[in-house]
Protein backbone atom coordinates (compact mmCIF):
# COMPACT_ATOMS: atom_id res chain seq x y z
CA MET A 1 -6.78 -34.17 -120.11
CA THR A 2 -7.14 -37.07 -122.51
CA THR A 3 -4.94 -38.59 -125.14
CA SER A 4 -5.87 -40.67 -128.15
CA ASN A 5 -3.94 -42.94 -130.46
CA THR A 6 -6.67 -42.93 -133.10
CA ILE A 7 -5.28 -41.82 -136.44
CA PHE A 8 -7.55 -40.56 -139.19
CA SER A 9 -6.67 -39.89 -142.79
CA SER A 10 -5.60 -36.40 -143.78
CA ASP A 11 -8.86 -36.13 -145.74
CA THR A 12 -10.80 -36.35 -142.46
CA TYR A 13 -8.97 -33.39 -140.98
CA ALA A 14 -9.18 -31.45 -144.26
CA LEU A 15 -12.97 -31.75 -144.23
CA ASP A 16 -14.95 -28.52 -143.88
CA TRP A 17 -16.84 -29.64 -140.78
CA LEU A 18 -18.89 -26.48 -140.36
CA SER A 19 -20.11 -26.65 -143.95
CA LYS A 20 -21.10 -30.30 -143.46
CA LEU A 21 -22.97 -29.42 -140.27
CA ARG A 22 -24.89 -26.70 -142.10
CA THR A 23 -25.82 -29.25 -144.78
CA LEU A 24 -26.94 -31.68 -142.08
CA LEU A 25 -29.22 -29.08 -140.49
CA ARG A 26 -30.76 -28.21 -143.85
CA ASP A 27 -31.51 -31.90 -144.45
CA LEU A 28 -32.98 -32.43 -140.99
CA HIS A 29 -35.31 -29.39 -141.01
CA ARG A 30 -35.22 -29.16 -137.22
CA PRO A 31 -37.32 -26.14 -136.14
CA ASP A 32 -35.57 -26.11 -132.76
CA ILE A 33 -32.03 -26.09 -134.21
CA ARG A 34 -31.75 -23.21 -136.64
CA SER A 35 -27.97 -22.85 -136.78
CA VAL A 36 -24.70 -24.64 -136.16
CA ASP A 37 -24.22 -22.43 -133.10
CA ALA A 38 -27.51 -23.67 -131.64
CA LEU A 39 -26.64 -27.28 -132.46
CA LEU A 40 -23.26 -27.12 -130.71
CA SER A 41 -24.78 -25.31 -127.73
CA LYS A 42 -27.41 -28.00 -127.31
CA LEU A 43 -24.86 -30.76 -127.91
CA THR A 44 -22.44 -29.50 -125.25
CA GLY A 45 -24.94 -27.89 -122.86
CA ASP A 46 -22.38 -25.13 -122.26
CA ALA A 47 -22.04 -21.88 -124.22
CA ASN A 48 -18.29 -21.52 -123.63
CA ALA A 49 -17.53 -25.10 -124.65
CA ALA A 50 -19.75 -24.66 -127.71
CA LEU A 51 -17.86 -21.53 -128.77
CA MET A 52 -14.51 -23.29 -128.34
CA LEU A 53 -15.78 -26.29 -130.31
CA LEU A 54 -17.06 -23.99 -133.05
CA ARG A 55 -13.62 -22.41 -133.46
CA LEU A 56 -11.84 -25.77 -133.31
CA LEU A 57 -14.07 -27.12 -136.09
CA TYR A 58 -13.27 -23.99 -138.09
CA TRP A 59 -9.51 -24.42 -137.66
CA THR A 60 -9.38 -28.21 -138.13
CA PRO A 61 -9.20 -28.19 -141.97
CA LYS A 62 -6.57 -25.43 -141.77
CA SER A 63 -4.28 -27.47 -139.50
CA LYS A 64 -0.86 -28.47 -140.82
CA ARG A 65 -0.17 -30.82 -137.90
CA ASP A 66 -2.40 -33.83 -138.66
CA GLY A 67 -5.43 -32.11 -137.22
CA TRP A 68 -3.73 -30.69 -134.11
CA ILE A 69 -4.56 -27.08 -133.21
CA TYR A 70 -2.77 -25.22 -130.44
CA LYS A 71 -4.34 -22.44 -128.40
CA SER A 72 -2.93 -20.58 -125.41
CA TRP A 73 -5.01 -18.66 -122.88
CA ARG A 74 -4.30 -15.46 -124.77
CA ASP A 75 -5.29 -17.05 -128.08
CA TRP A 76 -8.71 -18.02 -126.71
CA ASN A 77 -9.18 -14.60 -125.17
CA ALA A 78 -8.28 -12.78 -128.38
CA GLU A 79 -10.37 -15.05 -130.59
CA CYS A 80 -13.44 -15.68 -128.43
CA ASN A 81 -13.18 -13.13 -125.60
CA LEU A 82 -13.18 -15.99 -123.09
CA SER A 83 -11.60 -15.42 -119.70
CA GLN A 84 -9.07 -17.74 -118.10
CA SER A 85 -11.62 -18.97 -115.55
CA GLN A 86 -14.11 -19.79 -118.30
CA ILE A 87 -11.52 -21.80 -120.22
CA LYS A 88 -10.32 -23.58 -117.08
CA ARG A 89 -13.90 -24.54 -116.25
CA VAL A 90 -14.41 -26.08 -119.70
CA HIS A 91 -11.13 -27.99 -119.33
CA SER A 92 -11.66 -29.15 -115.74
CA GLN A 93 -15.16 -30.47 -116.46
CA GLN A 94 -13.90 -32.15 -119.65
CA LEU A 95 -16.74 -30.66 -121.67
CA LEU A 96 -14.75 -30.82 -124.91
CA GLU A 97 -13.61 -34.39 -124.32
CA ALA A 98 -17.22 -35.42 -123.78
CA ILE A 99 -18.08 -34.61 -127.38
CA GLY A 100 -14.91 -35.80 -129.10
CA ILE A 101 -12.06 -33.31 -128.66
CA VAL A 102 -8.69 -34.70 -127.55
CA ARG A 103 -6.39 -32.44 -125.50
CA GLU A 104 -2.63 -32.75 -125.07
CA ILE A 105 0.14 -30.41 -123.99
CA ARG A 106 2.70 -30.25 -126.78
CA LYS A 107 5.36 -27.79 -127.76
CA ALA A 108 4.46 -24.92 -130.09
CA ASN A 109 7.34 -22.63 -131.05
CA GLY A 110 9.37 -24.27 -128.30
CA VAL A 111 6.78 -23.53 -125.58
CA PRO A 112 4.50 -26.18 -124.00
CA THR A 113 1.00 -25.21 -125.14
CA MET A 114 -2.40 -26.88 -125.06
CA HIS A 115 -3.19 -28.72 -128.30
CA TYR A 116 -6.61 -29.93 -129.46
CA ARG A 117 -7.67 -32.45 -132.08
CA LEU A 118 -11.04 -33.74 -133.23
CA ASP A 119 -11.85 -37.42 -132.72
CA ALA A 120 -14.17 -37.69 -135.71
CA VAL A 121 -15.77 -41.01 -134.76
CA LYS A 122 -16.56 -40.00 -131.18
CA PHE A 123 -17.94 -36.67 -132.37
CA LEU A 124 -20.22 -38.40 -134.89
CA GLN A 125 -21.32 -40.91 -132.25
CA LYS A 126 -22.36 -38.08 -129.92
CA LEU A 127 -24.06 -36.29 -132.80
CA SER A 128 -25.87 -39.47 -133.80
CA ALA A 129 -27.17 -40.08 -130.28
CA PHE A 130 -28.25 -36.46 -129.80
CA LEU A 131 -30.03 -36.09 -133.15
CA ALA A 132 -31.34 -39.68 -133.18
CA VAL A 133 -29.87 -40.22 -136.64
CA GLU A 134 -28.09 -43.45 -137.58
CA ILE A 135 -24.34 -42.99 -137.48
CA GLU A 136 -23.94 -44.64 -140.89
CA GLN A 137 -25.91 -41.77 -142.41
CA LEU A 138 -23.72 -39.22 -140.68
CA ALA A 139 -20.57 -41.10 -141.70
CA ALA A 140 -21.68 -40.99 -145.33
CA LEU A 141 -22.34 -37.25 -145.14
CA PHE A 142 -19.08 -36.47 -143.33
CA GLU A 143 -17.08 -38.99 -145.37
CA VAL A 144 -15.68 -40.79 -142.31
CA ASP A 145 -15.20 -44.58 -142.28
CA VAL A 146 -16.72 -45.22 -138.86
CA ILE A 147 -16.82 -49.02 -139.11
CA ALA A 148 -13.12 -49.27 -139.94
CA GLN A 149 -12.16 -46.96 -137.07
CA LEU A 150 -14.24 -49.03 -134.64
CA GLY A 151 -12.59 -52.24 -135.78
CA GLY A 152 -15.70 -53.55 -137.47
CA ALA A 153 -17.82 -53.36 -134.32
CA GLU A 154 -21.47 -52.58 -134.87
CA THR A 155 -22.47 -49.19 -133.53
CA PRO A 156 -25.54 -48.88 -131.30
CA LYS A 157 -28.68 -47.67 -133.03
CA PRO A 158 -30.12 -44.37 -131.81
CA SER A 159 -33.60 -44.36 -130.35
CA GLY A 160 -36.26 -43.39 -132.86
CA ASP A 161 -36.22 -43.71 -136.62
CA ASN A 162 -35.14 -40.25 -137.73
CA ARG A 163 -33.68 -40.02 -141.18
CA LEU A 164 -32.05 -37.20 -143.05
CA ASN A 165 -34.55 -35.08 -145.01
CA ASP A 166 -37.29 -36.04 -142.51
CA VAL A 167 -38.78 -33.60 -140.03
CA VAL A 168 -38.00 -34.78 -136.52
CA PRO A 169 -39.65 -33.91 -133.19
CA THR A 170 -38.62 -30.78 -131.34
CA ALA A 171 -35.89 -31.39 -128.77
CA LYS A 172 -35.73 -29.87 -125.31
CA PRO A 173 -34.80 -26.19 -125.01
CA ILE A 174 -31.13 -25.54 -124.37
CA THR A 175 -31.67 -24.63 -120.74
CA ASP A 176 -33.41 -27.95 -120.05
CA ILE A 177 -30.33 -29.96 -120.96
CA ASN A 178 -28.76 -31.79 -118.05
CA GLN A 179 -25.50 -30.02 -117.24
CA GLN A 180 -24.06 -32.29 -114.57
CA ALA A 181 -20.36 -31.76 -113.98
CA LEU A 182 -18.02 -34.35 -115.43
CA PRO A 183 -14.96 -35.67 -113.54
CA THR A 184 -12.42 -32.94 -112.95
CA ASP A 185 -8.99 -32.90 -114.53
CA SER A 186 -6.07 -31.45 -112.62
CA THR A 187 -3.44 -32.02 -115.32
CA ASN A 188 -4.24 -28.91 -117.32
CA THR A 189 -1.31 -26.52 -116.97
CA GLN A 190 0.20 -24.00 -119.34
CA THR A 191 3.29 -21.86 -119.22
CA THR A 192 1.76 -19.12 -121.34
CA ALA A 193 1.13 -15.95 -119.36
CA PRO A 194 -2.49 -15.90 -118.18
CA VAL A 195 -4.96 -13.30 -119.32
CA ASP A 196 -6.11 -10.75 -116.73
CA ASP A 197 -9.24 -12.30 -115.32
CA ILE A 198 -12.08 -11.48 -112.97
CA LYS A 199 -12.71 -14.26 -110.49
CA LEU A 200 -16.23 -15.55 -110.93
CA THR A 201 -18.07 -17.87 -108.61
CA GLU A 202 -19.68 -21.07 -109.87
CA THR A 203 -23.07 -19.37 -109.43
CA ASP A 204 -21.98 -16.44 -111.61
CA LEU A 205 -20.65 -18.81 -114.27
CA SER A 206 -23.84 -20.86 -114.20
CA GLU A 207 -26.10 -17.80 -114.55
CA THR A 208 -23.96 -16.42 -117.36
CA ASN A 209 -23.97 -19.76 -119.15
CA LEU A 210 -27.75 -20.07 -118.94
CA LEU A 211 -28.15 -16.55 -120.30
CA LEU A 212 -25.77 -17.28 -123.18
CA LEU A 213 -27.67 -20.45 -124.03
CA ASP A 214 -30.97 -18.54 -123.96
CA LEU A 215 -29.54 -15.92 -126.33
CA VAL A 216 -28.40 -18.61 -128.77
CA ASP A 217 -31.79 -20.28 -128.51
CA LEU A 218 -33.36 -16.91 -129.39
CA GLY A 219 -31.29 -16.65 -132.58
CA PHE A 220 -27.96 -15.06 -131.63
CA ASP A 221 -24.76 -16.70 -132.76
CA LEU A 222 -22.27 -17.66 -130.06
CA VAL A 223 -19.79 -14.86 -130.74
CA LYS A 224 -22.44 -12.12 -130.61
CA ALA A 225 -24.02 -13.65 -127.52
CA HIS A 226 -20.68 -13.56 -125.69
CA GLY A 227 -20.08 -10.00 -126.85
CA LEU A 228 -23.49 -8.94 -125.57
CA VAL A 229 -22.90 -10.47 -122.13
CA GLY A 230 -19.50 -8.80 -121.94
CA ARG A 231 -20.93 -5.38 -122.84
CA TYR A 232 -24.19 -5.15 -120.89
CA ASP A 233 -25.43 -5.95 -117.42
CA ILE A 234 -26.78 -9.48 -117.12
CA ASP A 235 -30.00 -8.39 -115.40
CA SER A 236 -30.70 -5.86 -118.16
CA ILE A 237 -30.16 -8.48 -120.85
CA ARG A 238 -32.41 -10.93 -119.05
CA GLN A 239 -35.19 -8.34 -118.73
CA VAL A 240 -35.04 -7.42 -122.42
CA LEU A 241 -34.83 -11.09 -123.37
CA GLU A 242 -38.00 -11.93 -121.48
CA ARG A 243 -39.85 -8.96 -123.01
CA ALA A 244 -38.80 -10.08 -126.49
CA LYS A 245 -40.29 -13.49 -125.79
CA GLN A 246 -43.51 -12.07 -124.34
CA ALA A 247 -43.92 -9.64 -127.22
CA ASN A 248 -43.36 -12.48 -129.69
CA ALA A 249 -40.97 -10.17 -131.53
CA TYR A 250 -40.66 -10.75 -135.28
CA ASN A 251 -36.88 -10.37 -135.03
CA PRO A 252 -35.94 -11.25 -131.42
CA PRO A 253 -32.17 -10.58 -131.75
CA GLY A 254 -32.90 -7.20 -133.34
CA PHE A 255 -35.38 -6.39 -130.57
CA VAL A 256 -32.83 -7.24 -127.87
CA LEU A 257 -29.96 -5.35 -129.53
CA THR A 258 -32.03 -2.22 -130.15
CA ALA A 259 -33.51 -2.22 -126.66
CA LEU A 260 -30.08 -2.49 -125.06
CA LYS A 261 -28.34 0.03 -127.33
CA GLN A 262 -31.09 2.62 -126.93
CA ALA A 263 -31.61 1.81 -123.23
CA TRP A 264 -35.34 1.36 -123.61
CA ASP A 265 -37.30 1.98 -120.43
CA LEU A 266 -39.37 -1.18 -120.58
CA PRO A 267 -42.40 -1.42 -118.29
CA PRO A 268 -42.51 -4.45 -116.02
CA ALA A 269 -44.03 -7.53 -117.57
CA GLN A 270 -47.77 -7.71 -117.08
CA LYS A 271 -49.23 -10.80 -115.52
CA GLN A 272 -51.79 -12.45 -117.73
CA GLN A 273 -55.29 -12.60 -116.27
CA ASN A 274 -57.01 -15.92 -116.06
CA ALA A 275 -60.70 -16.27 -116.90
CA SER A 276 -61.98 -15.88 -113.33
CA ASP A 277 -59.87 -12.77 -112.70
CA ALA A 278 -61.15 -11.17 -115.91
CA LEU A 279 -64.75 -11.89 -114.89
CA LEU A 280 -64.27 -10.31 -111.47
CA ASP A 281 -62.56 -7.32 -113.06
CA GLY A 282 -65.60 -6.69 -115.26
CA LYS A 283 -68.09 -7.04 -112.40
CA ARG A 284 -66.50 -4.31 -110.34
CA TYR A 285 -68.48 -1.76 -112.39
CA ALA A 286 -71.84 -3.47 -111.70
CA GLN A 287 -73.65 -2.18 -108.62
CA GLY A 288 -76.97 -2.75 -106.90
CA LYS A 289 -78.72 -5.74 -105.42
CA TYR A 290 -78.80 -7.56 -108.77
CA ALA A 291 -75.09 -7.01 -109.48
CA ASP A 292 -74.22 -10.65 -108.79
CA PHE A 293 -76.61 -11.74 -111.55
CA ILE A 294 -75.20 -9.40 -114.20
CA GLU A 295 -72.67 -10.93 -116.58
CA SER A 296 -69.79 -8.67 -117.53
């Protein structure tokens, strides 16, 4: 758990961050980042952390505590359908801290509860590095005085020369993002009663996370992707997902939803023939001593 003494103006916390992010994506015209959900998923490399960040950005302008937002285990479960183990994993790996969310245990209604607050400068720095956009441009869009908060220090320039309103190169797919674990944090405790939870292994969590990221990359928003994984078998979703990609479906999310709801009996994916295999397949009908000289 991290703490921060950085104080931003009330205008910073009152900012509609999600609206500004949507404006940013429209200006960038990134074909690989079609929504705020996809941006946050790529930025964090973790679907659960991205969903928590999405909700924290939503609640930030509604905060009446100088940007602080408190959430218990039950709050996260009710709002995002996240289990206790999923939330603990995000906390222990400091996935939110890595992109600019400060966590502290403070009292809410007399009960010690986890509080979260956005560090606007750190968030914009991470966004700048990821999108390869100069932080001064982001600061102007988000109306945050980055230079003053950094004490006048010059911020490092991102690699590349991407500017808003310019088309930029396609980034790596979500599942290619390096998801190395960050240092663990053992200070995260809460007195709020935990939500009933199924114990998942790290392998289960990793497979689920990759599937969630693939769904977001396909066009699902984070909330619907989590709902889908909670409702259907992971193997079934993965099979339908792959068929949607192979079929080059016009509306991939619609294809996946319909296939799962109607329990389509999809045939196994066919392996594409290479040129030599296709040639041999045609020659099997040619017979006689001159068969080898006949082109199919």
